[in-house]
Amino acid sequence: MPWLALDYQQRNIKEHLAEKFQLTTIPTLILIDADSAQIICRDARNQIQNKDKQGHFFPWKSNYFNIDIDESHKR
């Protein structure tokens, strides 16, 4: 699976994403639907590490978190 990454020099994009997704800790893992650009799960890291290590309930969908990504940041 291809993972996107930012160069360290792209701090403005990093700040925008951190604000948009209310990131307060690193590492953070958020699942985003590729078609709708909606957040599927805000706490995927916690799900993997603590709650559902075997992935039985993956993708841990939550209707509570429904935040769109700006059109300019879709790929």
N, C-alpha and C. Protein backbone atom coordinates (compact mmCIF):
# COMPACT_ATOMS: atom_id res chain seq x y z
N MET A 1 0.85 -1.18 0.00
CA MET A 1 0.00 0.00 0.00
C MET A 1 0.89 1.24 0.00
N PRO A 2 0.66 2.17 -0.90
CA PRO A 2 1.48 3.38 -0.94
C PRO A 2 1.08 4.36 0.18
N TRP A 3 2.06 4.85 0.88
CA TRP A 3 1.83 5.83 1.94
C TRP A 3 2.37 7.17 1.48
N LEU A 4 1.61 8.22 1.68
CA LEU A 4 2.06 9.56 1.35
C LEU A 4 2.86 10.12 2.52
N ALA A 5 3.82 10.94 2.21
CA ALA A 5 4.63 11.56 3.25
C ALA A 5 4.97 12.98 2.82
N LEU A 6 5.21 13.83 3.80
CA LEU A 6 5.62 15.21 3.54
C LEU A 6 7.11 15.35 3.83
N ASP A 7 7.78 16.16 3.00
CA ASP A 7 9.15 16.53 3.33
C ASP A 7 9.11 17.46 4.54
N TYR A 8 10.17 17.45 5.30
CA TYR A 8 10.22 18.30 6.50
C TYR A 8 10.03 19.77 6.15
N GLN A 9 10.47 20.19 4.99
CA GLN A 9 10.35 21.59 4.57
C GLN A 9 8.91 22.01 4.31
N GLN A 10 8.00 21.07 4.19
CA GLN A 10 6.59 21.38 3.91
C GLN A 10 5.82 21.62 5.20
N ARG A 11 6.37 22.45 6.08
CA ARG A 11 5.76 22.70 7.39
C ARG A 11 4.38 23.35 7.28
N ASN A 12 4.16 24.18 6.27
CA ASN A 12 2.85 24.83 6.12
C ASN A 12 1.75 23.79 5.87
N ILE A 13 2.05 22.77 5.08
CA ILE A 13 1.06 21.72 4.83
C ILE A 13 0.86 20.89 6.10
N LYS A 14 1.95 20.60 6.80
CA LYS A 14 1.87 19.85 8.06
C LYS A 14 0.98 20.59 9.05
N GLU A 15 1.18 21.90 9.18
CA GLU A 15 0.37 22.70 10.11
C GLU A 15 -1.10 22.69 9.70
N HIS A 16 -1.37 22.80 8.41
CA HIS A 16 -2.75 22.78 7.92
C HIS A 16 -3.42 21.45 8.27
N LEU A 17 -2.72 20.35 8.00
CA LEU A 17 -3.29 19.02 8.29
C LEU A 17 -3.47 18.81 9.79
N ALA A 18 -2.51 19.25 10.59
CA ALA A 18 -2.61 19.09 12.04
C ALA A 18 -3.82 19.85 12.58
N GLU A 19 -4.05 21.03 12.05
CA GLU A 19 -5.22 21.82 12.49
C GLU A 19 -6.52 21.19 11.98
N LYS A 20 -6.54 20.82 10.72
CA LYS A 20 -7.74 20.24 10.10
C LYS A 20 -8.21 18.99 10.83
N PHE A 21 -7.25 18.12 11.18
CA PHE A 21 -7.61 16.85 11.80
C PHE A 21 -7.42 16.85 13.31
N GLN A 22 -7.17 18.04 13.88
CA GLN A 22 -7.05 18.21 15.33
C GLN A 22 -6.02 17.25 15.92
N LEU A 23 -4.86 17.18 15.29
CA LEU A 23 -3.80 16.29 15.75
C LEU A 23 -3.07 16.91 16.93
N THR A 24 -2.92 16.13 17.98
CA THR A 24 -2.22 16.61 19.16
C THR A 24 -1.06 15.70 19.55
N THR A 25 -1.01 14.49 19.01
CA THR A 25 0.06 13.56 19.35
C THR A 25 0.62 12.93 18.08
N ILE A 26 1.86 12.47 18.19
CA ILE A 26 2.44 11.68 17.12
C ILE A 26 2.99 10.40 17.73
N PRO A 27 2.91 9.31 17.06
CA PRO A 27 2.25 9.15 15.77
C PRO A 27 0.73 9.12 15.92
N THR A 28 0.04 9.54 14.90
CA THR A 28 -1.41 9.49 14.84
C THR A 28 -1.79 8.75 13.56
N LEU A 29 -2.77 7.89 13.66
CA LEU A 29 -3.25 7.16 12.49
C LEU A 29 -4.74 7.41 12.35
N ILE A 30 -5.13 8.00 11.24
CA ILE A 30 -6.52 8.31 10.94
C ILE A 30 -6.88 7.59 9.66
N LEU A 31 -8.02 6.89 9.64
CA LEU A 31 -8.49 6.24 8.41
C LEU A 31 -9.40 7.20 7.67
N ILE A 32 -9.10 7.41 6.39
CA ILE A 32 -9.88 8.31 5.55
C ILE A 32 -10.39 7.54 4.34
N ASP A 33 -11.68 7.66 4.06
CA ASP A 33 -12.27 7.01 2.90
C ASP A 33 -11.73 7.66 1.63
N ALA A 34 -11.15 6.86 0.75
CA ALA A 34 -10.54 7.39 -0.47
C ALA A 34 -11.55 7.98 -1.44
N ASP A 35 -12.78 7.50 -1.42
CA ASP A 35 -13.80 8.00 -2.36
C ASP A 35 -14.47 9.27 -1.85
N SER A 36 -14.85 9.28 -0.59
CA SER A 36 -15.60 10.42 -0.07
C SER A 36 -14.74 11.43 0.67
N ALA A 37 -13.50 11.07 1.00
CA ALA A 37 -12.58 11.92 1.77
C ALA A 37 -13.13 12.21 3.17
N GLN A 38 -13.93 11.32 3.69
CA GLN A 38 -14.47 11.47 5.04
C GLN A 38 -13.64 10.63 6.00
N ILE A 39 -13.51 11.11 7.22
CA ILE A 39 -12.80 10.34 8.24
C ILE A 39 -13.63 9.13 8.62
N ILE A 40 -13.03 7.96 8.56
CA ILE A 40 -13.69 6.73 8.97
C ILE A 40 -13.43 6.49 10.45
N CYS A 41 -12.17 6.69 10.87
CA CYS A 41 -11.79 6.43 12.26
C CYS A 41 -10.69 7.39 12.67
N ARG A 42 -10.92 8.13 13.75
CA ARG A 42 -9.95 9.09 14.26
C ARG A 42 -8.88 8.45 15.12
N ASP A 43 -9.18 7.34 15.73
CA ASP A 43 -8.23 6.74 16.68
C ASP A 43 -7.78 5.34 16.23
N ALA A 44 -7.43 5.22 14.97
CA ALA A 44 -7.04 3.92 14.42
C ALA A 44 -5.81 3.35 15.13
N ARG A 45 -4.90 4.20 15.53
CA ARG A 45 -3.72 3.72 16.26
C ARG A 45 -4.12 3.03 17.55
N ASN A 46 -5.02 3.62 18.30
CA ASN A 46 -5.50 3.03 19.54
C ASN A 46 -6.25 1.73 19.27
N GLN A 47 -7.02 1.71 18.19
CA GLN A 47 -7.74 0.49 17.83
C GLN A 47 -6.77 -0.66 17.57
N ILE A 48 -5.73 -0.38 16.79
CA ILE A 48 -4.75 -1.41 16.43
C ILE A 48 -3.95 -1.87 17.65
N GLN A 49 -3.49 -0.91 18.45
CA GLN A 49 -2.62 -1.24 19.57
C GLN A 49 -3.35 -1.82 20.77
N ASN A 50 -4.58 -1.39 21.01
CA ASN A 50 -5.22 -1.73 22.28
C ASN A 50 -6.57 -2.44 22.18
N LYS A 51 -7.41 -2.02 21.27
CA LYS A 51 -8.79 -2.49 21.29
C LYS A 51 -9.08 -3.67 20.38
N ASP A 52 -8.51 -3.68 19.18
CA ASP A 52 -8.85 -4.70 18.19
C ASP A 52 -7.58 -5.14 17.46
N LYS A 53 -6.67 -5.75 18.18
CA LYS A 53 -5.36 -6.10 17.63
C LYS A 53 -5.44 -7.05 16.45
N GLN A 54 -6.47 -7.87 16.39
CA GLN A 54 -6.62 -8.82 15.30
C GLN A 54 -7.40 -8.24 14.11
N GLY A 55 -7.97 -7.05 14.28
CA GLY A 55 -8.69 -6.42 13.19
C GLY A 55 -10.06 -7.00 12.90
N HIS A 56 -10.67 -7.63 13.89
CA HIS A 56 -11.99 -8.25 13.69
C HIS A 56 -13.08 -7.23 13.35
N PHE A 57 -12.94 -6.01 13.85
CA PHE A 57 -13.97 -5.00 13.64
C PHE A 57 -13.51 -3.90 12.66
N PHE A 58 -12.38 -4.16 11.98
CA PHE A 58 -11.86 -3.21 11.00
C PHE A 58 -12.90 -2.95 9.93
N PRO A 59 -13.13 -1.73 9.51
CA PRO A 59 -12.32 -0.54 9.64
C PRO A 59 -12.72 0.39 10.77
N TRP A 60 -13.38 -0.09 11.79
CA TRP A 60 -13.72 0.69 12.99
C TRP A 60 -14.45 1.98 12.63
N LYS A 61 -15.48 1.85 11.81
CA LYS A 61 -16.24 3.03 11.36
C LYS A 61 -16.95 3.71 12.52
N SER A 62 -16.95 5.01 12.45
CA SER A 62 -17.60 5.83 13.46
C SER A 62 -18.33 6.96 12.76
N ASN A 63 -19.61 7.06 12.96
CA ASN A 63 -20.40 8.14 12.37
C ASN A 63 -20.16 9.47 13.08
N TYR A 64 -19.57 9.40 14.27
CA TYR A 64 -19.35 10.62 15.05
C TYR A 64 -18.38 11.57 14.36
N PHE A 65 -17.35 11.01 13.72
CA PHE A 65 -16.35 11.84 13.07
C PHE A 65 -16.63 11.88 11.59
N ASN A 66 -17.15 12.99 11.13
CA ASN A 66 -17.52 13.16 9.72
C ASN A 66 -16.96 14.48 9.23
N ILE A 67 -15.67 14.53 8.97
CA ILE A 67 -15.01 15.76 8.57
C ILE A 67 -14.52 15.61 7.14
N ASP A 68 -14.87 16.56 6.28
CA ASP A 68 -14.40 16.52 4.89
C ASP A 68 -13.00 17.10 4.78
N ILE A 69 -12.24 16.59 3.84
CA ILE A 69 -10.95 17.17 3.50
C ILE A 69 -11.21 18.22 2.44
N ASP A 70 -10.49 19.32 2.51
CA ASP A 70 -10.61 20.34 1.47
C ASP A 70 -10.31 19.72 0.12
N GLU A 71 -11.01 20.17 -0.90
CA GLU A 71 -10.82 19.66 -2.25
C GLU A 71 -9.36 19.77 -2.71
N SER A 72 -8.66 20.80 -2.25
CA SER A 72 -7.28 21.03 -2.67
C SER A 72 -6.31 19.98 -2.13
N HIS A 73 -6.72 19.23 -1.13
CA HIS A 73 -5.82 18.23 -0.54
C HIS A 73 -6.20 16.81 -0.91
N LYS A 74 -7.21 16.63 -1.74
CA LYS A 74 -7.57 15.29 -2.21
C LYS A 74 -6.56 14.83 -3.24
N ARG A 75 -6.33 13.55 -3.29
CA ARG A 75 -5.43 12.99 -4.30
C ARG A 75 -6.15 11.93 -5.06
